[in-house]
């Protein structure tokens, strides 16, 4: 009866052994493929994400009194005060709240605000 296990007395087939003398010619091809995949991933995912982050940071830096904004929690309000880290919003008559500047998700343009509730 023949054993199904690997016989360690036999030599390993050449496909399972490493290339003699170090890295073989296939290593450069594999490295090039990895670099190409990484660069495609960078241009499809990371670059647009960083561009969007820069635009949001610029919008937050340019906030001024009278701007209509939406917070990340979905609160609509009008900016009535801005400091380094805090934005004061008027959400209703005689109701003002303070939120972190980083919580401001987007600015509402005047033409879009006419149709929105608030």
N, C-alpha and C. Protein backbone atom coordinates (compact mmCIF):
# COMPACT_ATOMS: atom_id res chain seq x y z
N UNK A 1 0.84 -1.17 0.00
CA UNK A 1 0.00 0.00 0.00
C UNK A 1 0.89 1.23 0.00
N UNK A 2 0.52 2.19 -0.82
CA UNK A 2 1.32 3.40 -0.98
C UNK A 2 0.78 4.50 -0.08
N UNK A 3 1.68 5.25 0.52
CA UNK A 3 1.31 6.33 1.42
C UNK A 3 0.95 7.57 0.62
N UNK A 4 -0.07 8.30 1.08
CA UNK A 4 -0.48 9.54 0.40
C UNK A 4 0.32 10.74 0.88
N UNK A 5 1.07 10.60 1.94
CA UNK A 5 1.85 11.71 2.50
C UNK A 5 3.10 11.97 1.67
N UNK A 6 3.81 13.05 1.99
CA UNK A 6 5.03 13.42 1.29
C UNK A 6 6.18 12.60 1.83
N UNK A 7 6.93 12.02 0.96
CA UNK A 7 8.10 11.26 1.35
C UNK A 7 9.28 12.22 1.40
N UNK A 8 9.83 12.43 2.57
CA UNK A 8 10.89 13.42 2.74
C UNK A 8 12.23 12.94 2.22
N UNK A 9 12.33 11.68 1.86
CA UNK A 9 13.57 11.17 1.30
C UNK A 9 13.73 11.54 -0.16
N UNK A 10 12.60 11.85 -0.81
CA UNK A 10 12.66 12.24 -2.22
C UNK A 10 13.05 13.71 -2.34
N UNK A 11 13.61 14.05 -3.47
CA UNK A 11 13.94 15.44 -3.72
C UNK A 11 12.67 16.21 -4.02
N UNK A 12 12.67 17.50 -3.65
CA UNK A 12 11.51 18.35 -3.92
C UNK A 12 11.50 18.70 -5.40
N UNK A 13 10.33 18.81 -6.00
CA UNK A 13 10.28 19.23 -7.40
C UNK A 13 10.82 20.65 -7.54
N UNK A 14 11.41 20.98 -8.67
CA UNK A 14 12.02 22.29 -8.85
C UNK A 14 11.05 23.46 -8.72
N UNK A 15 9.77 23.25 -8.96
CA UNK A 15 8.81 24.35 -8.86
C UNK A 15 8.62 24.81 -7.41
N UNK A 16 8.83 23.88 -6.46
CA UNK A 16 8.62 24.23 -5.06
C UNK A 16 9.87 24.81 -4.42
N UNK A 17 10.98 24.71 -5.09
CA UNK A 17 12.23 25.22 -4.53
C UNK A 17 12.44 26.66 -4.98
N UNK A 18 13.16 27.42 -4.18
CA UNK A 18 13.50 28.78 -4.56
C UNK A 18 14.51 28.77 -5.69
N UNK A 19 14.63 29.87 -6.39
CA UNK A 19 15.60 29.94 -7.48
C UNK A 19 17.00 29.92 -6.90
N UNK A 20 17.90 29.16 -7.50
CA UNK A 20 19.26 29.11 -6.97
C UNK A 20 19.95 30.45 -7.15
N UNK A 21 20.65 30.86 -6.15
CA UNK A 21 21.42 32.09 -6.27
C UNK A 21 20.62 33.33 -5.94
N UNK A 22 19.52 33.25 -5.21
CA UNK A 22 18.82 34.43 -4.76
C UNK A 22 17.51 34.67 -5.47
N UNK A 23 17.27 35.93 -5.79
CA UNK A 23 15.96 36.35 -6.28
C UNK A 23 15.84 36.00 -7.75
N UNK A 24 15.30 35.48 -8.40
CA UNK A 24 15.26 35.17 -9.82
C UNK A 24 14.67 36.28 -10.65
N UNK A 25 14.57 36.08 -11.92
CA UNK A 25 14.07 37.12 -12.81
C UNK A 25 12.59 37.43 -12.58
N UNK A 26 11.85 36.52 -11.96
CA UNK A 26 10.43 36.75 -11.70
C UNK A 26 10.18 37.79 -10.61
N UNK A 27 11.16 38.03 -9.77
CA UNK A 27 10.99 38.98 -8.67
C UNK A 27 10.78 40.40 -9.18
N UNK A 28 11.54 40.79 -10.18
CA UNK A 28 11.40 42.15 -10.74
C UNK A 28 10.02 42.34 -11.35
N UNK A 29 9.52 41.31 -12.02
CA UNK A 29 8.17 41.40 -12.60
C UNK A 29 7.11 41.54 -11.52
N UNK A 30 7.26 40.77 -10.45
CA UNK A 30 6.29 40.84 -9.36
C UNK A 30 6.34 42.20 -8.66
N UNK A 31 7.55 42.70 -8.46
CA UNK A 31 7.69 44.01 -7.83
C UNK A 31 7.07 45.10 -8.70
N UNK A 32 7.28 45.02 -10.00
CA UNK A 32 6.70 46.00 -10.92
C UNK A 32 5.17 45.94 -10.89
N UNK A 33 4.62 44.73 -10.85
CA UNK A 33 3.17 44.57 -10.79
C UNK A 33 2.60 45.18 -9.50
N UNK A 34 3.28 44.97 -8.38
CA UNK A 34 2.84 45.54 -7.11
C UNK A 34 2.87 47.07 -7.17
N UNK A 35 3.92 47.63 -7.75
CA UNK A 35 4.02 49.09 -7.86
C UNK A 35 2.92 49.66 -8.77
N UNK A 36 2.61 48.96 -9.84
CA UNK A 36 1.55 49.42 -10.74
C UNK A 36 0.20 49.39 -10.02
N UNK A 37 -0.07 48.31 -9.30
CA UNK A 37 -1.34 48.20 -8.57
C UNK A 37 -1.44 49.28 -7.50
N UNK A 38 -0.35 49.54 -6.78
CA UNK A 38 -0.36 50.57 -5.75
C UNK A 38 -0.60 51.95 -6.36
N UNK A 39 0.04 52.24 -7.50
CA UNK A 39 -0.15 53.57 -8.11
C UNK A 39 -1.58 53.74 -8.61
N UNK A 40 -2.18 52.70 -9.18
CA UNK A 40 -3.58 52.79 -9.61
C UNK A 40 -4.48 53.02 -8.40
N UNK A 41 -4.23 52.29 -7.33
CA UNK A 41 -5.02 52.45 -6.10
C UNK A 41 -4.88 53.86 -5.55
N UNK A 42 -3.66 54.42 -5.59
CA UNK A 42 -3.43 55.78 -5.10
C UNK A 42 -4.25 56.78 -5.89
N UNK A 43 -4.21 56.71 -7.22
CA UNK A 43 -4.91 57.69 -8.03
C UNK A 43 -6.42 57.52 -8.01
N UNK A 44 -6.92 56.32 -7.72
CA UNK A 44 -8.36 56.10 -7.69
C UNK A 44 -8.94 56.39 -6.31
N UNK A 45 -8.20 56.10 -5.24
CA UNK A 45 -8.76 56.21 -3.89
C UNK A 45 -8.17 57.37 -3.10
N UNK A 46 -6.86 57.35 -2.88
CA UNK A 46 -6.26 58.31 -1.95
C UNK A 46 -6.25 59.73 -2.45
N UNK A 47 -5.91 59.96 -3.69
CA UNK A 47 -5.80 61.33 -4.20
C UNK A 47 -7.14 62.07 -4.17
N UNK A 48 -8.24 61.47 -4.68
CA UNK A 48 -9.52 62.18 -4.58
C UNK A 48 -9.97 62.40 -3.13
N UNK A 49 -9.65 61.46 -2.25
CA UNK A 49 -10.05 61.61 -0.85
C UNK A 49 -9.31 62.80 -0.22
N UNK A 50 -8.02 62.92 -0.48
CA UNK A 50 -7.25 64.05 0.06
C UNK A 50 -7.72 65.37 -0.53
N UNK A 51 -8.08 65.37 -1.81
CA UNK A 51 -8.57 66.60 -2.44
C UNK A 51 -9.87 67.05 -1.77
N UNK A 52 -10.76 66.11 -1.50
CA UNK A 52 -12.02 66.42 -0.82
C UNK A 52 -11.79 66.94 0.59
N UNK A 53 -10.83 66.36 1.30
CA UNK A 53 -10.52 66.83 2.64
C UNK A 53 -10.00 68.26 2.62
N UNK A 54 -9.15 68.57 1.64
CA UNK A 54 -8.63 69.94 1.54
C UNK A 54 -9.75 70.93 1.26
N UNK A 55 -10.70 70.55 0.41
CA UNK A 55 -11.82 71.46 0.10
C UNK A 55 -12.68 71.71 1.33
N UNK A 56 -12.93 70.68 2.13
CA UNK A 56 -13.75 70.83 3.34
C UNK A 56 -13.00 71.71 4.36
N UNK A 57 -11.69 71.49 4.51
CA UNK A 57 -10.92 72.31 5.44
C UNK A 57 -10.91 73.77 5.00
N UNK A 58 -10.82 74.01 3.71
CA UNK A 58 -10.84 75.39 3.20
C UNK A 58 -12.20 76.03 3.45
N UNK A 59 -13.28 75.26 3.24
CA UNK A 59 -14.63 75.79 3.49
C UNK A 59 -14.79 76.16 4.96
N UNK A 60 -14.29 75.31 5.86
CA UNK A 60 -14.40 75.60 7.29
C UNK A 60 -13.58 76.83 7.67
N UNK A 61 -12.43 77.01 7.04
CA UNK A 61 -11.60 78.17 7.34
C UNK A 61 -12.23 79.46 6.84
N UNK A 62 -13.06 79.38 5.80
CA UNK A 62 -13.69 80.58 5.21
C UNK A 62 -15.08 80.87 5.76
N UNK A 63 -15.52 80.14 6.81
CA UNK A 63 -16.85 80.40 7.37
C UNK A 63 -16.93 81.81 7.91
N UNK A 64 -18.08 82.45 7.68
CA UNK A 64 -18.29 83.81 8.17
C UNK A 64 -19.74 83.95 8.61
N UNK A 65 -20.02 85.02 9.32
CA UNK A 65 -21.39 85.27 9.79
C UNK A 65 -22.34 85.34 8.61
N UNK A 66 -23.51 84.72 8.78
CA UNK A 66 -24.53 84.74 7.74
C UNK A 66 -24.51 83.52 6.84
N UNK A 67 -23.47 82.70 6.89
CA UNK A 67 -23.43 81.49 6.07
C UNK A 67 -24.42 80.47 6.60
N UNK A 68 -25.14 79.83 5.68
CA UNK A 68 -26.04 78.73 6.05
C UNK A 68 -25.24 77.45 5.94
N UNK A 69 -25.29 76.61 6.99
CA UNK A 69 -24.50 75.39 7.01
C UNK A 69 -25.33 74.21 7.51
N UNK A 70 -24.79 73.02 7.27
CA UNK A 70 -25.36 71.79 7.82
C UNK A 70 -24.24 71.10 8.58
N UNK A 71 -24.55 70.65 9.79
CA UNK A 71 -23.54 69.94 10.57
C UNK A 71 -23.55 68.46 10.20
N UNK A 72 -22.55 67.74 10.67
CA UNK A 72 -22.49 66.31 10.38
C UNK A 72 -23.63 65.56 11.08
N UNK A 73 -24.25 66.16 12.07
CA UNK A 73 -25.40 65.57 12.74
C UNK A 73 -26.73 65.90 12.06
N UNK A 74 -26.67 66.71 10.99
CA UNK A 74 -27.89 67.04 10.25
C UNK A 74 -28.59 68.29 10.73
N UNK A 75 -27.96 69.11 11.54
CA UNK A 75 -28.57 70.33 12.05
C UNK A 75 -28.31 71.46 11.06
N UNK A 76 -29.39 72.11 10.61
CA UNK A 76 -29.29 73.27 9.73
C UNK A 76 -29.23 74.52 10.59
N UNK A 77 -28.37 75.45 10.22
CA UNK A 77 -28.29 76.68 10.98
C UNK A 77 -27.57 77.77 10.21
N UNK A 78 -27.62 78.98 10.79
CA UNK A 78 -26.93 80.14 10.22
C UNK A 78 -25.81 80.52 11.16
N UNK A 79 -24.63 80.73 10.61
CA UNK A 79 -23.46 81.07 11.42
C UNK A 79 -23.64 82.47 11.97
N UNK A 80 -23.51 82.61 13.31
CA UNK A 80 -23.57 83.93 13.94
C UNK A 80 -22.29 84.24 14.70
N UNK A 81 -21.39 83.28 14.79
CA UNK A 81 -20.12 83.52 15.45
C UNK A 81 -19.12 82.43 15.09
N UNK A 82 -17.87 82.84 14.88
CA UNK A 82 -16.83 81.89 14.50
C UNK A 82 -15.59 82.16 15.34
N UNK A 83 -15.03 81.10 15.94
CA UNK A 83 -13.73 81.21 16.60
C UNK A 83 -12.83 80.12 16.02
N UNK A 84 -11.68 79.90 16.63
CA UNK A 84 -10.73 78.93 16.08
C UNK A 84 -11.32 77.52 16.00
N UNK A 85 -11.98 77.07 17.06
CA UNK A 85 -12.46 75.70 17.12
C UNK A 85 -13.98 75.58 17.23
N UNK A 86 -14.68 76.68 17.46
CA UNK A 86 -16.12 76.63 17.73
C UNK A 86 -16.87 77.54 16.76
N UNK A 87 -18.03 77.06 16.31
CA UNK A 87 -18.92 77.86 15.47
C UNK A 87 -20.25 77.97 16.21
N UNK A 88 -20.77 79.20 16.29
CA UNK A 88 -22.07 79.41 16.92
C UNK A 88 -23.11 79.52 15.81
N UNK A 89 -24.16 78.69 15.93
CA UNK A 89 -25.21 78.64 14.91
C UNK A 89 -26.53 79.08 15.50
N UNK A 90 -27.30 79.82 14.69
CA UNK A 90 -28.68 80.14 15.05
C UNK A 90 -29.54 79.12 14.32
N UNK A 91 -30.25 78.29 15.09
CA UNK A 91 -31.07 77.23 14.49
C UNK A 91 -32.55 77.59 14.49
N UNK A 92 -32.95 78.56 15.29
CA UNK A 92 -34.32 79.07 15.32
C UNK A 92 -34.27 80.45 15.96
N UNK A 93 -35.40 81.16 16.00
CA UNK A 93 -35.43 82.47 16.64
C UNK A 93 -35.07 82.31 18.12
N UNK A 94 -34.12 83.08 18.58
CA UNK A 94 -33.66 83.09 19.97
C UNK A 94 -33.05 81.75 20.41
N UNK A 95 -32.61 80.91 19.47
CA UNK A 95 -31.97 79.64 19.81
C UNK A 95 -30.62 79.58 19.11
N UNK A 96 -29.56 79.60 19.91
CA UNK A 96 -28.21 79.51 19.37
C UNK A 96 -27.51 78.31 20.00
N UNK A 97 -26.75 77.61 19.20
CA UNK A 97 -25.97 76.48 19.72
C UNK A 97 -24.52 76.64 19.29
N UNK A 98 -23.64 76.03 20.05
CA UNK A 98 -22.24 76.02 19.69
C UNK A 98 -21.87 74.61 19.26
N UNK A 99 -21.18 74.50 18.14
CA UNK A 99 -20.71 73.21 17.66
C UNK A 99 -19.23 73.33 17.31
N UNK A 100 -18.56 72.22 17.31
CA UNK A 100 -17.16 72.21 16.89
C UNK A 100 -17.09 72.56 15.41
N UNK A 101 -16.08 73.31 15.06
CA UNK A 101 -15.92 73.69 13.65
C UNK A 101 -15.78 72.46 12.77
N UNK A 102 -15.20 71.40 13.30
CA UNK A 102 -15.04 70.17 12.52
C UNK A 102 -16.37 69.46 12.27
N UNK A 103 -17.44 69.85 13.00
CA UNK A 103 -18.75 69.24 12.80
C UNK A 103 -19.51 69.86 11.64
N UNK A 104 -19.03 70.97 11.10
CA UNK A 104 -19.70 71.59 9.95
C UNK A 104 -19.37 70.76 8.72
N UNK A 105 -20.41 70.17 8.13
CA UNK A 105 -20.20 69.26 7.01
C UNK A 105 -20.15 70.00 5.67
N UNK A 106 -21.06 70.95 5.48
CA UNK A 106 -21.08 71.67 4.20
C UNK A 106 -21.81 73.00 4.35
N UNK A 107 -21.54 73.87 3.40
CA UNK A 107 -22.20 75.17 3.33
C UNK A 107 -23.35 75.04 2.34
N UNK A 108 -24.47 75.66 2.68
CA UNK A 108 -25.64 75.63 1.78
C UNK A 108 -25.62 76.89 0.94
N UNK A 109 -25.70 76.71 -0.35
CA UNK A 109 -25.75 77.86 -1.25
C UNK A 109 -27.12 78.52 -1.15
N UNK A 110 -27.18 79.80 -1.42
CA UNK A 110 -28.42 80.57 -1.26
C UNK A 110 -29.55 80.03 -2.15
N UNK A 111 -29.25 79.64 -3.37
CA UNK A 111 -30.30 79.16 -4.27
C UNK A 111 -30.86 77.83 -3.78
N UNK A 112 -30.03 76.99 -3.13
CA UNK A 112 -30.50 75.70 -2.63
C UNK A 112 -31.25 75.85 -1.32
N UNK A 113 -30.98 76.90 -0.55
CA UNK A 113 -31.60 77.02 0.76
C UNK A 113 -33.08 77.45 0.67
N UNK A 114 -33.50 78.00 -0.46
CA UNK A 114 -34.90 78.43 -0.57
C UNK A 114 -35.86 77.26 -0.54
N UNK A 115 -35.43 76.09 -1.04
CA UNK A 115 -36.29 74.93 -1.08
C UNK A 115 -36.15 74.02 0.11
N UNK A 116 -35.16 74.28 1.00
CA UNK A 116 -34.94 73.37 2.12
C UNK A 116 -35.70 73.83 3.35
N UNK A 117 -36.11 72.89 4.18
CA UNK A 117 -36.80 73.26 5.41
C UNK A 117 -35.81 73.81 6.43
N UNK A 118 -36.20 74.77 7.19
CA UNK A 118 -35.42 75.32 8.30
C UNK A 118 -35.77 76.73 8.38
